[in-house]
């Protein structure tokens, strides 16, 4: 009797493994089909509209930026921003508050000393 139960358990395990394997294959094939349909749709849309797909232009910009900085074309060091010349007439001033009580919509301020 033990032989029959062991044989039955082995058959059930094998069938269960085969069912799980088949389910995994169906899942993977469905993902591949969705990917294929998506790529086909994107390429067909690009052909009909004449515009490159968004992911192509995005990765092209990243590649151009990486090539620019790989070739050593860093912006000049200094106070000026990227591509701008430094101003020649820089002045230091003392900051102070400018008040115009008549221009305020709620009247003059009450916190004056």
PDB file of N, CA and C in Angstrom:
ATOM      1  N   UNK A   1       0.820  -1.185   0.000  1.00  0.00           N
ATOM      2  CA  UNK A   1       0.000   0.000   0.000  1.00  0.00           C
ATOM      3  C   UNK A   1       0.870   1.257   0.000  1.00  0.00           C
ATOM      4  N   UNK A   2       2.018   1.170   0.664  1.00  0.00           N
ATOM      5  CA  UNK A   2       2.911   2.314   0.714  1.00  0.00           C
ATOM      6  C   UNK A   2       3.480   2.627  -0.666  1.00  0.00           C
ATOM      7  N   UNK A   3       3.710   1.620  -1.461  1.00  0.00           N
ATOM      8  CA  UNK A   3       4.230   1.802  -2.813  1.00  0.00           C
ATOM      9  C   UNK A   3       3.246   2.601  -3.667  1.00  0.00           C
ATOM     10  N   UNK A   4       1.972   2.311  -3.530  1.00  0.00           N
ATOM     11  CA  UNK A   4       0.940   2.992  -4.317  1.00  0.00           C
ATOM     12  C   UNK A   4       0.854   4.457  -3.913  1.00  0.00           C
ATOM     13  N   UNK A   5       0.904   4.749  -2.622  1.00  0.00           N
ATOM     14  CA  UNK A   5       0.816   6.143  -2.172  1.00  0.00           C
ATOM     15  C   UNK A   5       2.064   6.925  -2.584  1.00  0.00           C
ATOM     16  N   UNK A   6       3.237   6.295  -2.557  1.00  0.00           N
ATOM     17  CA  UNK A   6       4.466   6.953  -2.991  1.00  0.00           C
ATOM     18  C   UNK A   6       4.422   7.227  -4.489  1.00  0.00           C
ATOM     19  N   UNK A   7       3.945   6.267  -5.251  1.00  0.00           N
ATOM     20  CA  UNK A   7       3.812   6.432  -6.698  1.00  0.00           C
ATOM     21  C   UNK A   7       2.810   7.541  -7.022  1.00  0.00           C
ATOM     22  N   UNK A   8       1.701   7.551  -6.309  1.00  0.00           N
ATOM     23  CA  UNK A   8       0.678   8.579  -6.518  1.00  0.00           C
ATOM     24  C   UNK A   8       1.235   9.976  -6.183  1.00  0.00           C
ATOM     25  N   UNK A   9       1.998  10.096  -5.099  1.00  0.00           N
ATOM     26  CA  UNK A   9       2.588  11.377  -4.700  1.00  0.00           C
ATOM     27  C   UNK A   9       3.599  11.857  -5.748  1.00  0.00           C
ATOM     28  N   UNK A  10       4.388  10.929  -6.295  1.00  0.00           N
ATOM     29  CA  UNK A  10       5.363  11.291  -7.325  1.00  0.00           C
ATOM     30  C   UNK A  10       4.662  11.772  -8.590  1.00  0.00           C
ATOM     31  N   UNK A  11       3.578  11.115  -8.966  1.00  0.00           N
ATOM     32  CA  UNK A  11       2.823  11.517 -10.161  1.00  0.00           C
ATOM     33  C   UNK A  11       2.199  12.899  -9.949  1.00  0.00           C
ATOM     34  N   UNK A  12       1.641  13.128  -8.761  1.00  0.00           N
ATOM     35  CA  UNK A  12       1.024  14.429  -8.471  1.00  0.00           C
ATOM     36  C   UNK A  12       2.079  15.532  -8.497  1.00  0.00           C
ATOM     37  N   UNK A  13       3.263  15.286  -7.914  1.00  0.00           N
ATOM     38  CA  UNK A  13       4.338  16.279  -7.933  1.00  0.00           C
ATOM     39  C   UNK A  13       4.779  16.586  -9.361  1.00  0.00           C
ATOM     40  N   UNK A  14       4.913  15.568 -10.178  1.00  0.00           N
ATOM     41  CA  UNK A  14       5.342  15.762 -11.560  1.00  0.00           C
ATOM     42  C   UNK A  14       4.305  16.558 -12.349  1.00  0.00           C
ATOM     43  N   UNK A  15       3.045  16.215 -12.174  1.00  0.00           N
ATOM     44  CA  UNK A  15       1.982  16.944 -12.878  1.00  0.00           C
ATOM     45  C   UNK A  15       1.945  18.402 -12.409  1.00  0.00           C
ATOM     46  N   UNK A  16       2.107  18.623 -11.112  1.00  0.00           N
ATOM     47  CA  UNK A  16       2.099  19.981 -10.567  1.00  0.00           C
ATOM     48  C   UNK A  16       3.259  20.803 -11.140  1.00  0.00           C
ATOM     49  N   UNK A  17       4.446  20.209 -11.223  1.00  0.00           N
ATOM     50  CA  UNK A  17       5.600  20.903 -11.792  1.00  0.00           C
ATOM     51  C   UNK A  17       5.375  21.227 -13.263  1.00  0.00           C
ATOM     52  N   UNK A  18       4.778  20.290 -14.003  1.00  0.00           N
ATOM     53  CA  UNK A  18       4.505  20.537 -15.423  1.00  0.00           C
ATOM     54  C   UNK A  18       3.472  21.651 -15.615  1.00  0.00           C
ATOM     55  N   UNK A  19       2.469  21.684 -14.748  1.00  0.00           N
ATOM     56  CA  UNK A  19       1.456  22.740 -14.835  1.00  0.00           C
ATOM     57  C   UNK A  19       2.087  24.099 -14.533  1.00  0.00           C
ATOM     58  N   UNK A  20       2.931  24.172 -13.510  1.00  0.00           N
ATOM     59  CA  UNK A  20       3.605  25.432 -13.191  1.00  0.00           C
ATOM     60  C   UNK A  20       4.548  25.871 -14.314  1.00  0.00           C
ATOM     61  N   UNK A  21       5.241  24.917 -14.918  1.00  0.00           N
ATOM     62  CA  UNK A  21       6.125  25.227 -16.033  1.00  0.00           C
ATOM     63  C   UNK A  21       5.329  25.756 -17.221  1.00  0.00           C
ATOM     64  N   UNK A  22       4.195  25.133 -17.505  1.00  0.00           N
ATOM     65  CA  UNK A  22       3.351  25.596 -18.608  1.00  0.00           C
ATOM     66  C   UNK A  22       2.810  27.002 -18.328  1.00  0.00           C
ATOM     67  N   UNK A  23       2.417  27.272 -17.087  1.00  0.00           N
ATOM     68  CA  UNK A  23       1.913  28.601 -16.734  1.00  0.00           C
ATOM     69  C   UNK A  23       3.012  29.652 -16.883  1.00  0.00           C
ATOM     70  N   UNK A  24       4.224  29.314 -16.475  1.00  0.00           N
ATOM     71  CA  UNK A  24       5.342  30.245 -16.612  1.00  0.00           C
ATOM     72  C   UNK A  24       5.644  30.518 -18.081  1.00  0.00           C
ATOM     73  N   UNK A  25       5.602  29.487 -18.909  1.00  0.00           N
ATOM     74  CA  UNK A  25       5.845  29.671 -20.340  1.00  0.00           C
ATOM     75  C   UNK A  25       4.766  30.544 -20.979  1.00  0.00           C
ATOM     76  N   UNK A  26       3.515  30.331 -20.592  1.00  0.00           N
ATOM     77  CA  UNK A  26       2.430  31.158 -21.127  1.00  0.00           C
ATOM     78  C   UNK A  26       2.624  32.615 -20.707  1.00  0.00           C
ATOM     79  N   UNK A  27       3.014  32.842 -19.473  1.00  0.00           N
ATOM     80  CA  UNK A  27       3.241  34.200 -18.981  1.00  0.00           C
ATOM     81  C   UNK A  27       4.373  34.879 -19.744  1.00  0.00           C
ATOM     82  N   UNK A  28       5.487  34.183 -19.920  1.00  0.00           N
ATOM     83  CA  UNK A  28       6.637  34.752 -20.629  1.00  0.00           C
ATOM     84  C   UNK A  28       6.291  35.025 -22.083  1.00  0.00           C
ATOM     85  N   UNK A  29       5.593  34.107 -22.726  1.00  0.00           N
ATOM     86  CA  UNK A  29       5.200  34.318 -24.120  1.00  0.00           C
ATOM     87  C   UNK A  29       4.224  35.485 -24.255  1.00  0.00           C
ATOM     88  N   UNK A  30       3.338  35.650 -23.287  1.00  0.00           N
ATOM     89  CA  UNK A  30       2.411  36.782 -23.356  1.00  0.00           C
ATOM     90  C   UNK A  30       3.155  38.106 -23.181  1.00  0.00           C
ATOM     91  N   UNK A  31       4.155  38.141 -22.304  1.00  0.00           N
ATOM     92  CA  UNK A  31       4.961  39.354 -22.156  1.00  0.00           C
ATOM     93  C   UNK A  31       5.730  39.672 -23.437  1.00  0.00           C
ATOM     94  N   UNK A  32       6.264  38.647 -24.076  1.00  0.00           N
ATOM     95  CA  UNK A  32       6.972  38.862 -25.333  1.00  0.00           C
ATOM     96  C   UNK A  32       6.030  39.369 -26.421  1.00  0.00           C
ATOM     97  N   UNK A  33       4.820  38.846 -26.459  1.00  0.00           N
ATOM     98  CA  UNK A  33       3.837  39.309 -27.448  1.00  0.00           C
ATOM     99  C   UNK A  33       3.456  40.766 -27.200  1.00  0.00           C
ATOM    100  N   UNK A  34       3.263  41.135 -25.954  1.00  0.00           N
ATOM    101  CA  UNK A  34       2.936  42.531 -25.633  1.00  0.00           C
ATOM    102  C   UNK A  34       4.090  43.445 -26.032  1.00  0.00           C
ATOM    103  N   UNK A  35       5.315  43.033 -25.766  1.00  0.00           N
ATOM    104  CA  UNK A  35       6.473  43.838 -26.140  1.00  0.00           C
ATOM    105  C   UNK A  35       6.572  43.978 -27.657  1.00  0.00           C
ATOM    106  N   UNK A  36       6.333  42.903 -28.376  1.00  0.00           N
ATOM    107  CA  UNK A  36       6.390  42.935 -29.835  1.00  0.00           C
ATOM    108  C   UNK A  36       5.310  43.847 -30.409  1.00  0.00           C
ATOM    109  N   UNK A  37       4.103  43.758 -29.880  1.00  0.00           N
ATOM    110  CA  UNK A  37       3.014  44.622 -30.349  1.00  0.00           C
ATOM    111  C   UNK A  37       3.323  46.083 -30.029  1.00  0.00           C
ATOM    112  N   UNK A  38       3.881  46.350 -28.860  1.00  0.00           N
ATOM    113  CA  UNK A  38       4.214  47.729 -28.481  1.00  0.00           C
ATOM    114  C   UNK A  38       5.281  48.317 -29.395  1.00  0.00           C
ATOM    115  N   UNK A  39       6.327  47.565 -29.651  1.00  0.00           N
ATOM    116  CA  UNK A  39       7.394  48.054 -30.526  1.00  0.00           C
ATOM    117  C   UNK A  39       6.863  48.267 -31.938  1.00  0.00           C
ATOM    118  N   UNK A  40       6.033  47.349 -32.414  1.00  0.00           N
ATOM    119  CA  UNK A  40       5.440  47.502 -33.746  1.00  0.00           C
ATOM    120  C   UNK A  40       4.581  48.757 -33.809  1.00  0.00           C
ATOM    121  N   UNK A  41       3.773  48.992 -32.787  1.00  0.00           N
ATOM    122  CA  UNK A  41       2.916  50.174 -32.748  1.00  0.00           C
ATOM    123  C   UNK A  41       3.746  51.460 -32.741  1.00  0.00           C
ATOM    124  N   UNK A  42       4.802  51.495 -31.936  1.00  0.00           N
ATOM    125  CA  UNK A  42       5.641  52.693 -31.850  1.00  0.00           C
ATOM    126  C   UNK A  42       6.336  52.963 -33.177  1.00  0.00           C
ATOM    127  N   UNK A  43       6.864  51.923 -33.802  1.00  0.00           N
ATOM    128  CA  UNK A  43       7.546  52.111 -35.081  1.00  0.00           C
ATOM    129  C   UNK A  43       6.577  52.503 -36.190  1.00  0.00           C
ATOM    130  N   UNK A  44       5.391  51.923 -36.198  1.00  0.00           N
ATOM    131  CA  UNK A  44       4.385  52.274 -37.197  1.00  0.00           C
ATOM    132  C   UNK A  44       3.940  53.729 -37.021  1.00  0.00           C
ATOM    133  N   UNK A  45       3.755  54.139 -35.787  1.00  0.00           N
ATOM    134  CA  UNK A  45       3.379  55.525 -35.504  1.00  0.00           C
ATOM    135  C   UNK A  45       4.492  56.477 -35.939  1.00  0.00           C
ATOM    136  N   UNK A  46       5.744  56.094 -35.707  1.00  0.00           N
ATOM    137  CA  UNK A  46       6.872  56.930 -36.119  1.00  0.00           C
ATOM    138  C   UNK A  46       6.945  57.036 -37.641  1.00  0.00           C
ATOM    139  N   UNK A  47       6.660  55.943 -38.329  1.00  0.00           N
ATOM    140  CA  UNK A  47       6.679  55.980 -39.789  1.00  0.00           C
ATOM    141  C   UNK A  47       5.554  56.849 -40.343  1.00  0.00           C
ATOM    142  N   UNK A  48       4.380  56.770 -39.743  1.00  0.00           N
ATOM    143  CA  UNK A  48       3.236  57.530 -40.247  1.00  0.00           C
ATOM    144  C   UNK A  48       3.345  59.021 -39.931  1.00  0.00           C
ATOM    145  N   UNK A  49       3.852  59.370 -38.761  1.00  0.00           N
ATOM    146  CA  UNK A  49       3.946  60.782 -38.386  1.00  0.00           C
ATOM    147  C   UNK A  49       5.246  61.424 -38.842  1.00  0.00           C
ATOM    148  N   UNK A  50       6.264  60.630 -39.123  1.00  0.00           N
ATOM    149  CA  UNK A  50       7.549  61.177 -39.542  1.00  0.00           C
ATOM    150  C   UNK A  50       8.396  61.701 -38.399  1.00  0.00           C
ATOM    151  N   UNK A  51       8.006  61.418 -37.181  1.00  0.00           N
ATOM    152  CA  UNK A  51       8.757  61.872 -36.007  1.00  0.00           C
ATOM    153  C   UNK A  51       9.417  60.682 -35.333  1.00  0.00           C
ATOM    154  N   UNK A  52      10.589  60.941 -34.764  1.00  0.00           N
ATOM    155  CA  UNK A  52      11.270  59.874 -34.040  1.00  0.00           C
ATOM    156  C   UNK A  52      10.522  59.576 -32.748  1.00  0.00           C
ATOM    157  N   UNK A  53      10.565  58.331 -32.295  1.00  0.00           N
ATOM    158  CA  UNK A  53       9.941  58.016 -31.001  1.00  0.00           C
ATOM    159  C   UNK A  53      10.636  58.769 -29.867  1.00  0.00           C
ATOM    160  N   UNK A  54       9.907  58.989 -28.780  1.00  0.00           N
ATOM    161  CA  UNK A  54      10.428  59.793 -27.670  1.00  0.00           C
ATOM    162  C   UNK A  54      11.662  59.163 -27.037  1.00  0.00           C
ATOM    163  N   UNK A  55      11.681  57.838 -26.908  1.00  0.00           N
ATOM    164  CA  UNK A  55      12.832  57.219 -26.251  1.00  0.00           C
ATOM    165  C   UNK A  55      14.095  57.361 -27.084  1.00  0.00           C
ATOM    166  N   UNK A  56      13.959  57.451 -28.401  1.00  0.00           N
ATOM    167  CA  UNK A  56      15.137  57.630 -29.255  1.00  0.00           C
ATOM    168  C   UNK A  56      15.731  59.015 -29.036  1.00  0.00           C
ATOM    169  N   UNK A  57      14.882  60.039 -29.020  1.00  0.00           N
ATOM    170  CA  UNK A  57      15.400  61.396 -28.831  1.00  0.00           C
ATOM    171  C   UNK A  57      15.964  61.593 -27.430  1.00  0.00           C
ATOM    172  N   UNK A  58      15.347  60.972 -26.435  1.00  0.00           N
ATOM    173  CA  UNK A  58      15.840  61.104 -25.064  1.00  0.00           C
ATOM    174  C   UNK A  58      17.233  60.505 -24.931  1.00  0.00           C
ATOM    175  N   UNK A  59      17.413  59.293 -25.424  1.00  0.00           N
ATOM    176  CA  UNK A  59      18.715  58.655 -25.297  1.00  0.00           C
ATOM    177  C   UNK A  59      19.753  59.315 -26.190  1.00  0.00           C
ATOM    178  N   UNK A  60      19.319  59.936 -27.291  1.00  0.00           N
ATOM    179  CA  UNK A  60      20.254  60.678 -28.131  1.00  0.00           C
ATOM    180  C   UNK A  60      20.797  61.884 -27.375  1.00  0.00           C
ATOM    181  N   UNK A  61      19.934  62.577 -26.639  1.00  0.00           N
ATOM    182  CA  UNK A  61      20.392  63.723 -25.846  1.00  0.00           C
ATOM    183  C   UNK A  61      21.366  63.287 -24.758  1.00  0.00           C
ATOM    184  N   UNK A  62      21.070  62.185 -24.088  1.00  0.00           N
ATOM    185  CA  UNK A  62      21.990  61.690 -23.060  1.00  0.00           C
ATOM    186  C   UNK A  62      23.344  61.336 -23.664  1.00  0.00           C
ATOM    187  N   UNK A  63      23.331  60.697 -24.825  1.00  0.00           N
ATOM    188  CA  UNK A  63      24.582  60.310 -25.461  1.00  0.00           C
ATOM    189  C   UNK A  63      25.378  61.539 -25.881  1.00  0.00           C
ATOM    190  N   UNK A  64      24.710  62.567 -26.418  1.00  0.00           N
ATOM    191  CA  UNK A  64      25.408  63.780 -26.822  1.00  0.00           C
ATOM    192  C   UNK A  64      26.028  64.484 -25.618  1.00  0.00           C
ATOM    193  N   UNK A  65      25.303  64.528 -24.512  1.00  0.00           N
ATOM    194  CA  UNK A  65      25.843  65.170 -23.312  1.00  0.00           C
ATOM    195  C   UNK A  65      27.046  64.400 -22.778  1.00  0.00           C
ATOM    196  N   UNK A  66      26.962  63.081 -22.775  1.00  0.00           N
ATOM    197  CA  UNK A  66      28.093  62.304 -22.266  1.00  0.00           C
ATOM    198  C   UNK A  66      29.304  62.434 -23.175  1.00  0.00           C
ATOM    199  N   UNK A  67      29.093  62.539 -24.492  1.00  0.00           N
ATOM    200  CA  UNK A  67      30.220  62.721 -25.404  1.00  0.00           C
ATOM    201  C   UNK A  67      30.848  64.099 -25.228  1.00  0.00           C
ATOM    202  N   UNK A  68      30.025  65.107 -24.956  1.00  0.00           N
ATOM    203  CA  UNK A  68      30.554  66.451 -24.756  1.00  0.00           C
ATOM    204  C   UNK A  68      31.487  66.483 -23.553  1.00  0.00           C
ATOM    205  N   UNK A  69      31.067  65.893 -22.444  1.00  0.00           N
ATOM    206  CA  UNK A  69      31.879  65.957 -21.240  1.00  0.00           C
ATOM    207  C   UNK A  69      33.001  64.928 -21.253  1.00  0.00           C
ATOM    208  N   UNK A  70      32.885  63.885 -22.061  1.00  0.00           N
ATOM    209  CA  UNK A  70      33.967  62.920 -22.183  1.00  0.00           C
ATOM    210  C   UNK A  70      35.121  63.521 -22.976  1.00  0.00           C
ATOM    211  N   UNK A  71      34.815  64.423 -23.924  1.00  0.00           N
ATOM    212  CA  UNK A  71      35.862  64.995 -24.755  1.00  0.00           C
ATOM    213  C   UNK A  71      36.607  66.132 -24.066  1.00  0.00           C
ATOM    214  N   UNK A  72      36.216  66.509 -22.862  1.00  0.00           N
ATOM    215  CA  UNK A  72      36.934  67.519 -22.105  1.00  0.00           C
ATOM    216  C   UNK A  72      36.428  68.927 -22.301  1.00  0.00           C
ATOM    217  N   UNK A  73      35.267  69.120 -22.881  1.00  0.00           N
ATOM    218  CA  UNK A  73      34.729  70.455 -23.120  1.00  0.00           C
ATOM    219  C   UNK A  73      33.933  70.939 -21.917  1.00  0.00           C
ATOM    220  N   UNK A  74      34.574  71.073 -20.783  1.00  0.00           N
ATOM    221  CA  UNK A  74      33.899  71.558 -19.582  1.00  0.00           C
ATOM    222  C   UNK A  74      33.787  73.062 -19.667  1.00  0.00           C
ATOM    223  N   UNK A  75      32.764  73.626 -19.058  1.00  0.00           N
ATOM    224  CA  UNK A  75      32.644  75.085 -19.054  1.00  0.00           C
ATOM    225  C   UNK A  75      33.803  75.723 -18.298  1.00  0.00           C
ATOM    226  N   UNK A  76      34.093  76.974 -18.630  1.00  0.00           N
ATOM    227  CA  UNK A  76      35.214  77.673 -17.996  1.00  0.00           C
ATOM    228  C   UNK A  76      34.958  77.843 -16.509  1.00  0.00           C
ATOM    229  N   UNK A  77      36.018  77.743 -15.735  1.00  0.00           N
ATOM    230  CA  UNK A  77      35.904  77.940 -14.291  1.00  0.00           C
ATOM    231  C   UNK A  77      35.776  79.431 -14.018  1.00  0.00           C
ATOM    232  N   UNK A  78      35.017  79.778 -13.041  1.00  0.00           N
ATOM    233  CA  UNK A  78      34.873  81.186 -12.706  1.00  0.00           C
ATOM    234  C   UNK A  78      33.477  81.465 -12.204  1.00  0.00           C
ATOM    235  N   UNK A  79      33.191  82.752 -12.000  1.00  0.00           N
ATOM    236  CA  UNK A  79      31.914  83.150 -11.446  1.00  0.00           C
ATOM    237  C   UNK A  79      30.782  83.153 -12.451  1.00  0.00           C
ATOM    238  N   UNK A  80      31.094  83.217 -13.714  1.00  0.00           N
ATOM    239  CA  UNK A  80      30.039  83.301 -14.716  1.00  0.00           C
ATOM    240  C   UNK A  80      29.385  81.949 -14.905  1.00  0.00           C
ATOM    241  N   UNK A  81      28.151  81.985 -15.356  1.00  0.00           N
ATOM    242  CA  UNK A  81      27.424  80.747 -15.606  1.00  0.00           C
ATOM    243  C   UNK A  81      27.869  80.108 -16.898  1.00  0.00           C
ATOM    244  N   UNK A  82      27.180  79.081 -17.304  1.00  0.00           N
ATOM    245  CA  UNK A  82      27.529  78.316 -18.500  1.00  0.00           C
ATOM    246  C   UNK A  82      27.293  79.167 -19.741  1.00  0.00           C
ATOM    247  N   UNK A  83      28.366  79.500 -20.469  1.00  0.00           N
ATOM    248  CA  UNK A  83      28.238  80.201 -21.732  1.00  0.00           C
ATOM    249  C   UNK A  83      28.046  81.709 -21.614  1.00  0.00           C
ATOM    250  N   UNK A  84      28.178  82.298 -20.434  1.00  0.00           N
ATOM    251  CA  UNK A  84      28.010  83.740 -20.272  1.00  0.00           C
ATOM    252  C   UNK A  84      29.330  84.372 -19.860  1.00  0.00           C
ATOM    253  N   UNK A  85      29.525  85.607 -20.296  1.00  0.00           N
ATOM    254  CA  UNK A  85      30.729  86.335 -19.907  1.00  0.00           C
ATOM    255  C   UNK A  85      30.518  86.979 -18.543  1.00  0.00           C
ATOM    256  N   UNK A  86      31.603  87.145 -17.809  1.00  0.00           N
ATOM    257  CA  UNK A  86      31.521  87.773 -16.490  1.00  0.00           C
ATOM    258  C   UNK A  86      31.297  89.273 -16.664  1.00  0.00           C
ATOM    259  N   UNK A  87      30.429  89.879 -15.850  1.00  0.00           N
ATOM    260  CA  UNK A  87      30.216  91.332 -15.974  1.00  0.00           C
ATOM    261  C   UNK A  87      31.454  92.099 -15.517  1.00  0.00           C
ATOM    262  N   UNK A  88      31.714  93.239 -16.193  1.00  0.00           N
ATOM    263  CA  UNK A  88      32.906  94.028 -15.873  1.00  0.00           C
ATOM    264  C   UNK A  88      32.682  94.997 -14.723  1.00  0.00           C
ATOM    265  N   UNK A  89      31.455  95.442 -14.518  1.00  0.00           N
ATOM    266  CA  UNK A  89      31.190  96.458 -13.501  1.00  0.00           C
ATOM    267  C   UNK A  89      30.348  95.882 -12.366  1.00  0.00           C
ATOM    268  N   UNK A  90      31.002  95.223 -11.440  1.00  0.00           N
ATOM    269  CA  UNK A  90      30.323  94.637 -10.290  1.00  0.00           C
ATOM    270  C   UNK A  90      30.476  95.592  -9.116  1.00  0.00           C
ATOM    271  N   UNK A  91      29.341  95.920  -8.464  1.00  0.00           N
ATOM    272  CA  UNK A  91      29.389  96.843  -7.326  1.00  0.00           C
ATOM    273  C   UNK A  91      28.812  96.151  -6.102  1.00  0.00           C
ATOM    274  N   UNK A  92      29.439  96.397  -4.945  1.00  0.00           N
ATOM    275  CA  UNK A  92      28.894  95.941  -3.674  1.00  0.00           C
ATOM    276  C   UNK A  92      28.087  97.082  -3.080  1.00  0.00           C
ATOM    277  N   UNK A  93      26.894  96.778  -2.614  1.00  0.00           N
ATOM    278  CA  UNK A  93      26.043  97.808  -2.025  1.00  0.00           C
ATOM    279  C   UNK A  93      25.574  97.344  -0.666  1.00  0.00           C
ATOM    280  N   UNK A  94      25.192  98.317   0.152  1.00  0.00           N
ATOM    281  CA  UNK A  94      24.627  98.011   1.456  1.00  0.00           C
ATOM    282  C   UNK A  94      23.127  97.814   1.279  1.00  0.00           C
ATOM    283  N   UNK A  95      22.611  96.671   1.686  1.00  0.00           N
ATOM    284  CA  UNK A  95      21.189  96.391   1.536  1.00  0.00           C
ATOM    285  C   UNK A  95      20.408  97.089   2.630  1.00  0.00           C
ATOM    286  N   UNK A  96      19.271  97.674   2.278  1.00  0.00           N
ATOM    287  CA  UNK A  96      18.382  98.294   3.256  1.00  0.00           C
ATOM    288  C   UNK A  96      16.947  98.165   2.761  1.00  0.00           C
ATOM    289  N   UNK A  97      16.019  98.295   3.691  1.00  0.00           N
ATOM    290  CA  UNK A  97      14.610  98.135   3.358  1.00  0.00           C
ATOM    291  C   UNK A  97      14.067  99.442   2.798  1.00  0.00           C
ATOM    292  N   UNK A  98      13.327  99.348   1.714  1.00  0.00           N
ATOM    293  CA  UNK A  98      12.698 100.511   1.108  1.00  0.00           C
ATOM    294  C   UNK A  98      11.215 100.422   1.404  1.00  0.00           C
ATOM    295  N   UNK A  99      10.688 101.486   2.053  1.00  0.00           N
ATOM    296  CA  UNK A  99       9.269 101.469   2.430  1.00  0.00           C
ATOM    297  C   UNK A  99       8.571 102.662   1.803  1.00  0.00           C
ATOM    298  N   UNK A 100       7.358 102.441   1.361  1.00  0.00           N
ATOM    299  CA  UNK A 100       6.513 103.504   0.850  1.00  0.00           C
ATOM    300  C   UNK A 100       5.143 103.265   1.453  1.00  0.00           C
ATOM    301  N   UNK A 101       4.870 103.914   2.580  1.00  0.00           N
ATOM    302  CA  UNK A 101       3.641 103.641   3.324  1.00  0.00           C
ATOM    303  C   UNK A 101       2.387 104.074   2.578  1.00  0.00           C
ATOM    304  N   UNK A 102       2.476 105.073   1.706  1.00  0.00           N
ATOM    305  CA  UNK A 102       1.294 105.489   0.966  1.00  0.00           C
ATOM    306  C   UNK A 102       0.899 104.458  -0.091  1.00  0.00           C
ATOM    307  N   UNK A 103       1.832 103.669  -0.567  1.00  0.00           N
ATOM    308  CA  UNK A 103       1.535 102.687  -1.607  1.00  0.00           C
ATOM    309  C   UNK A 103       0.928 101.414  -1.045  1.00  0.00           C
ATOM    310  N   UNK A 104       0.978 101.235   0.278  1.00  0.00           N
ATOM    311  CA  UNK A 104       0.440 100.018   0.872  1.00  0.00           C
ATOM    312  C   UNK A 104      -1.078 100.063   0.875  1.00  0.00           C
ATOM    313  N   UNK A 105      -1.755  99.000   0.512  1.00  0.00           N
ATOM    314  CA  UNK A 105      -3.217  99.016   0.446  1.00  0.00           C
ATOM    315  C   UNK A 105      -3.869  99.041   1.821  1.00  0.00           C
ATOM    316  N   UNK A 106      -3.163  98.697   2.873  1.00  0.00           N
ATOM    317  CA  UNK A 106      -3.759  98.602   4.197  1.00  0.00           C
ATOM    318  C   UNK A 106      -3.353  99.764   5.092  1.00  0.00           C
ATOM    319  N   UNK A 107      -2.733 100.793   4.556  1.00  0.00           N
ATOM    320  CA  UNK A 107      -2.387 101.970   5.331  1.00  0.00           C
ATOM    321  C   UNK A 107      -0.979 101.922   5.873  1.00  0.00           C
ATOM    322  N   UNK A 108      -0.585 102.956   6.603  1.00  0.00           N
ATOM    323  CA  UNK A 108       0.779 103.022   7.127  1.00  0.00           C
ATOM    324  C   UNK A 108       1.039 101.955   8.177  1.00  0.00           C
ATOM    325  N   UNK A 109       2.287 101.611   8.298  1.00  0.00           N
ATOM    326  CA  UNK A 109       2.693 100.577   9.240  1.00  0.00           C
ATOM    327  C   UNK A 109       2.702 101.126  10.661  1.00  0.00           C
ATOM    328  N   UNK A 110       2.383 100.299  11.634  1.00  0.00           N
ATOM    329  CA  UNK A 110       2.356 100.694  13.040  1.00  0.00           C
ATOM    330  C   UNK A 110       3.636 100.300  13.766  1.00  0.00           C
ATOM    331  N   UNK A 111       4.582  99.644  13.073  1.00  0.00           N
ATOM    332  CA  UNK A 111       5.777  99.149  13.750  1.00  0.00           C
ATOM    333  C   UNK A 111       6.975 100.069  13.577  1.00  0.00           C
ATOM    334  N   UNK A 112       6.764 101.352  13.267  1.00  0.00           N
ATOM    335  CA  UNK A 112       7.884 102.285  13.129  1.00  0.00           C
ATOM    336  C   UNK A 112       8.406 102.661  14.513  1.00  0.00           C
ATOM    337  N   UNK A 113       9.697 102.894  14.653  1.00  0.00           N
ATOM    338  CA  UNK A 113      10.237 103.299  15.952  1.00  0.00           C
ATOM    339  C   UNK A 113       9.990 104.753  16.236  1.00  0.00           C
TER     340      UNK A 113
END
